Protein backbone atom coordinates (compact mmCIF):
# COMPACT_ATOMS: atom_id res chain seq x y z
CA UNK A 1 -27.63 0.94 -19.02
CA UNK A 2 -24.49 1.79 -17.52
CA UNK A 3 -23.39 4.89 -15.86
CA UNK A 4 -20.47 4.92 -18.48
CA UNK A 5 -22.77 4.64 -21.63
CA UNK A 6 -25.16 7.38 -19.63
CA UNK A 7 -22.66 9.65 -19.43
CA UNK A 8 -21.41 9.43 -23.18
CA UNK A 9 -24.98 9.77 -24.16
CA UNK A 10 -25.37 13.09 -22.49
CA UNK A 11 -22.19 14.53 -23.57
CA UNK A 12 -22.93 13.61 -26.82
CA UNK A 13 -25.96 15.28 -26.95
CA UNK A 14 -24.65 18.52 -25.08
CA UNK A 15 -21.99 18.56 -27.80
CA UNK A 16 -24.60 18.04 -30.83
CA UNK A 17 -26.52 21.41 -29.49
CA UNK A 18 -23.31 23.42 -29.80
CA UNK A 19 -23.24 23.79 -33.45
CA UNK A 20 -21.73 27.23 -33.64
CA UNK A 21 -19.75 29.00 -31.18
CA UNK A 22 -21.75 30.54 -28.39
CA UNK A 23 -21.71 31.29 -24.71
CA UNK A 24 -23.69 29.13 -22.72
CA UNK A 25 -24.39 30.59 -19.11
CA UNK A 26 -24.00 28.93 -15.60
CA UNK A 27 -27.77 28.75 -15.22
CA UNK A 28 -27.95 26.85 -18.80
CA UNK A 29 -25.40 24.07 -17.99
CA UNK A 30 -26.22 23.35 -14.60
CA UNK A 31 -29.91 22.79 -16.04
CA UNK A 32 -28.51 20.48 -18.37
CA UNK A 33 -26.63 18.70 -15.73
CA UNK A 34 -29.58 18.33 -13.64
CA UNK A 35 -31.39 16.57 -16.36
CA UNK A 36 -28.98 13.91 -16.49
CA UNK A 37 -30.55 10.99 -14.43
CA UNK A 38 -28.04 8.88 -12.89
CA UNK A 39 -29.18 6.05 -10.50
CA UNK A 40 -27.39 5.68 -7.17
CA UNK A 41 -27.19 1.93 -7.52
CA UNK A 42 -25.06 2.76 -10.81
CA UNK A 43 -22.33 5.39 -9.07
CA UNK A 44 -22.15 2.84 -6.14
CA UNK A 45 -21.11 -0.06 -8.65
CA UNK A 46 -18.73 2.45 -9.90
CA UNK A 47 -17.24 2.99 -6.59
CA UNK A 48 -16.99 -0.82 -5.66
CA UNK A 49 -15.17 -1.39 -8.95
CA UNK A 50 -12.39 0.92 -8.14
CA UNK A 51 -12.21 0.07 -4.72
CA UNK A 52 -11.61 -3.93 -6.06
CA UNK A 53 -9.67 -3.10 -9.14
CA UNK A 54 -7.34 -1.17 -7.13
CA UNK A 55 -7.28 -3.44 -4.29
CA UNK A 56 -8.81 -1.64 -1.49
CA UNK A 57 -9.92 -4.49 0.24
CA UNK A 58 -10.96 -2.99 3.50
CA UNK A 59 -12.65 -0.26 2.20
CA UNK A 60 -14.49 -2.28 -0.36
CA UNK A 61 -15.74 -4.53 2.69
CA UNK A 62 -16.90 -1.15 4.65
CA UNK A 63 -18.55 0.04 1.32
CA UNK A 64 -20.40 -3.55 0.95
CA UNK A 65 -21.69 -2.78 4.16
CA UNK A 66 -22.95 0.52 3.81
CA UNK A 67 -24.38 0.29 0.59
CA UNK A 68 -25.35 -2.56 -0.07
CA UNK A 69 -23.54 -2.99 -3.17
CA UNK A 70 -22.26 -6.74 -3.64
CA UNK A 71 -18.76 -6.73 -5.44
CA UNK A 72 -18.42 -9.01 -8.73
CA UNK A 73 -15.30 -10.73 -7.09
CA UNK A 74 -14.43 -12.36 -4.06
CA UNK A 75 -13.05 -9.98 -1.52
CA UNK A 76 -10.77 -12.52 -0.25
CA UNK A 77 -8.76 -12.81 -3.33
CA UNK A 78 -7.99 -8.84 -3.55
CA UNK A 79 -5.68 -9.63 -0.49
CA UNK A 80 -4.09 -12.33 -2.10
CA UNK A 81 -3.23 -9.98 -5.47
CA UNK A 82 -2.16 -7.22 -3.35
CA UNK A 83 0.42 -9.33 -1.71
CA UNK A 84 1.82 -10.35 -5.06
CA UNK A 85 1.91 -6.85 -6.26
CA UNK A 86 3.52 -5.86 -3.01
CA UNK A 87 5.91 -8.38 -3.26
CA UNK A 88 7.29 -7.41 -6.51
CA UNK A 89 7.03 -3.60 -5.19
CA UNK A 90 9.65 -4.44 -2.57
CA UNK A 91 11.75 -6.43 -5.15
CA UNK A 92 10.91 -9.84 -3.87
CA UNK A 93 10.20 -11.40 -7.20
CA UNK A 94 10.83 -14.93 -6.18
CA UNK A 95 8.21 -14.88 -3.46
CA UNK A 96 5.94 -12.91 -6.06
CA UNK A 97 6.30 -15.73 -8.60
CA UNK A 98 5.38 -18.29 -5.92
CA UNK A 99 2.63 -16.53 -4.79
CA UNK A 100 0.86 -16.05 -8.50
CA UNK A 101 1.38 -19.68 -8.83
CA UNK A 102 -0.66 -20.46 -5.77
CA UNK A 103 -3.41 -18.40 -6.92
CA UNK A 104 -3.18 -19.70 -10.25
CA UNK A 105 -0.31 -21.33 -12.14
CA UNK A 106 -1.90 -20.91 -15.44
CA UNK A 107 -1.49 -17.08 -15.31
CA UNK A 108 2.19 -17.62 -15.65
CA UNK A 109 2.32 -20.71 -18.00
CA UNK A 110 -0.08 -18.80 -20.64
CA UNK A 111 1.72 -15.13 -20.69
CA UNK A 112 5.02 -15.63 -21.50
CA UNK A 113 5.64 -11.92 -21.80
CA UNK A 114 4.54 -11.54 -18.14
CA UNK A 115 6.68 -14.49 -17.09
CA UNK A 116 10.05 -12.81 -18.72
CA UNK A 117 9.33 -9.38 -17.07
CA UNK A 118 9.21 -10.89 -14.01
CA UNK A 119 12.48 -12.68 -14.68
CA UNK A 120 13.81 -9.82 -15.93
CA UNK A 121 12.97 -7.82 -12.92
CA UNK A 122 14.45 -10.46 -10.67
CA UNK A 123 17.52 -9.85 -12.93
CA UNK A 124 17.51 -6.09 -11.92
CA UNK A 125 17.12 -6.90 -8.60
CA UNK A 126 20.36 -8.99 -8.74
CA UNK A 127 22.09 -6.37 -10.15
CA UNK A 128 20.61 -3.67 -7.80
CA UNK A 129 22.30 -5.86 -5.00
CA UNK A 130 25.58 -6.39 -6.66
CA UNK A 131 25.27 -9.77 -7.19
CA UNK A 132 27.06 -9.75 -10.79
CA UNK A 133 28.22 -13.11 -10.94
CA UNK A 134 24.85 -14.52 -9.97
CA UNK A 135 23.18 -12.09 -12.35
CA UNK A 136 25.20 -13.31 -15.27
CA UNK A 137 24.52 -16.80 -14.37
CA UNK A 138 20.80 -16.43 -14.15
CA UNK A 139 20.64 -14.31 -17.41
CA UNK A 140 22.33 -16.89 -19.28
CA UNK A 141 20.47 -19.69 -18.02
CA UNK A 142 17.07 -18.41 -17.42
CA UNK A 143 16.57 -15.79 -19.74
CA UNK A 144 18.58 -16.46 -23.05
CA UNK A 145 16.93 -19.12 -24.28
CA UNK A 146 13.59 -16.88 -23.99
CA UNK A 147 15.63 -14.17 -25.85
CA UNK A 148 16.49 -17.06 -28.50
CA UNK A 149 12.90 -17.29 -29.36
CA UNK A 150 11.37 -13.92 -29.00
CA UNK A 151 13.30 -10.91 -30.48
CA UNK A 152 12.03 -8.21 -28.39
CA UNK A 153 12.86 -10.41 -25.16
CA UNK A 154 16.56 -10.30 -26.21
CA UNK A 155 16.51 -6.87 -26.74
CA UNK A 156 15.07 -6.35 -23.35
CA UNK A 157 17.78 -8.78 -21.94
CA UNK A 158 20.61 -6.69 -23.82
CA UNK A 159 19.18 -3.54 -22.19
CA UNK A 160 18.97 -5.15 -18.59
CA UNK A 161 22.48 -6.47 -19.07
CA UNK A 162 24.07 -3.17 -19.89
CA UNK A 163 23.56 -2.15 -16.66
CA UNK A 164 26.67 -4.29 -15.51
CA UNK A 165 28.83 -2.16 -17.53
CA UNK A 166 28.47 1.08 -15.74
CA UNK A 167 29.93 1.63 -12.34
CA UNK A 168 27.91 4.39 -12.04
CA UNK A 169 24.05 3.93 -13.17
CA UNK A 170 23.69 7.72 -13.13
CA UNK A 171 25.75 7.91 -16.45
CA UNK A 172 24.01 5.00 -17.84
CA UNK A 173 21.76 5.34 -20.66
CA UNK A 174 19.76 2.13 -19.19
CA UNK A 175 19.85 3.33 -15.74
CA UNK A 176 15.86 3.77 -15.61
CA UNK A 177 15.63 0.00 -15.01
CA UNK A 178 16.99 0.74 -11.49
CA UNK A 179 14.07 2.83 -10.82
CA UNK A 180 11.33 1.93 -8.70
CA UNK A 181 9.01 3.15 -11.43
CA UNK A 182 10.16 -0.35 -13.11
CA UNK A 183 9.17 -2.07 -10.06
CA UNK A 184 5.88 -0.44 -10.22
CA UNK A 185 5.42 -1.28 -14.07
CA UNK A 186 5.90 -4.88 -13.42
CA UNK A 187 3.48 -5.03 -10.23
CA UNK A 188 0.87 -3.21 -12.53
CA UNK A 189 1.17 -5.64 -15.32
CA UNK A 190 1.32 -8.70 -12.74
CA UNK A 191 -1.77 -7.30 -11.24
CA UNK A 192 -3.56 -6.85 -14.59
CA UNK A 193 -3.02 -10.59 -15.52
CA UNK A 194 -4.48 -11.49 -12.29
CA UNK A 195 -7.64 -9.39 -12.62
CA UNK A 196 -8.00 -11.00 -16.26
CA UNK A 197 -7.73 -14.74 -15.13
CA UNK A 198 -10.45 -13.92 -12.58
CA UNK A 199 -12.60 -12.52 -15.70
CA UNK A 200 -12.46 -8.84 -14.06
CA UNK A 201 -11.40 -5.80 -16.00
CA UNK A 202 -7.75 -4.79 -15.45
CA UNK A 203 -8.63 -1.16 -15.35
CA UNK A 204 -11.21 0.56 -13.14
CA UNK A 205 -13.88 1.98 -14.77
CA UNK A 206 -13.49 5.59 -13.24
CA UNK A 207 -10.33 6.94 -14.87
CA UNK A 208 -11.90 5.81 -18.34
CA UNK A 209 -14.68 7.92 -17.39
CA UNK A 210 -12.82 11.12 -16.79
CA UNK A 211 -10.91 10.72 -19.68
CA UNK A 212 -14.23 10.89 -21.51
CA UNK A 213 -15.14 13.68 -19.80
CA UNK A 214 -11.80 15.59 -20.59
CA UNK A 215 -12.05 14.44 -24.32
CA UNK A 216 -16.02 15.66 -24.51
CA UNK A 217 -14.93 19.10 -23.14
CA UNK A 218 -12.24 19.43 -25.35
CA UNK A 219 -14.65 18.94 -28.43
CA UNK A 220 -16.58 21.24 -27.02
CA UNK A 221 -14.51 23.75 -26.50
CA UNK A 222 -14.55 24.51 -30.30
CA UNK A 223 -17.98 25.23 -30.34
CA UNK A 224 -18.92 26.89 -27.13
CA UNK A 225 -17.71 28.37 -23.92
CA UNK A 226 -19.48 27.18 -20.94
CA UNK A 227 -18.85 26.53 -17.43
CA UNK A 228 -15.69 24.06 -17.78
CA UNK A 229 -14.24 21.42 -14.64
CA UNK A 230 -10.70 22.48 -15.19
CA UNK A 231 -9.55 20.67 -11.69
CA UNK A 232 -11.06 17.08 -11.57
CA UNK A 233 -9.91 16.62 -7.84
CA UNK A 234 -12.30 19.38 -6.97
CA UNK A 235 -14.97 18.94 -9.98
CA UNK A 236 -15.80 22.70 -9.54
CA UNK A 237 -17.50 24.31 -12.46
CA UNK A 238 -15.61 27.48 -13.45
CA UNK A 239 -17.47 30.14 -15.35
CA UNK A 240 -16.40 30.82 -19.04
CA UNK A 241 -14.33 33.35 -20.24
CA UNK A 242 -16.24 36.19 -22.04
């Protein structure tokens, strides 16, 4: 049984015990936590899954040697994936598209939304660099035909072209398209598509476990006062308010 489901089961059992609002002491709570048996191999797999999915290739290689945990993907492919992600984050979209096609041409061939978003990012970069005529030509030749086939694409294209109508983008209602966050959003989408093409989860399991922990604590709050983890970065138990 995976670590994910072990945690889910144990938290569900703890919640089921709290049928009425009551106080659970630190001693009682720590005993319950100590009763949860998690194999070290499962913890190692969880760490490796995070390193691989997030692209920390050097850390993954070191962790593989130190723990003996084998990744479920060729670590060499992580470097290629991160090169694509970095290219998008730096605004080098044409280079990113080339790299994606080198990895697997089917990724963009079978994902029209992703390809449109990459082309949209290319248009944004042209506008960012003040290449107005080139931006208009690119929008008309590359993006407009796709917008005619898909209403949502057309709406996104119209929002992007609207950037050209404002000299001061700080007053532009769609000025956020020029923010770095837009590059990061597109890079994340490309990263997820590459992972999916490699039969790997597009999101690491660890954040899902933490979200599940928060959900379980919120549910349990209604039934009991107990040592709670309020700061996930330290995972310190805080005594319940009495």
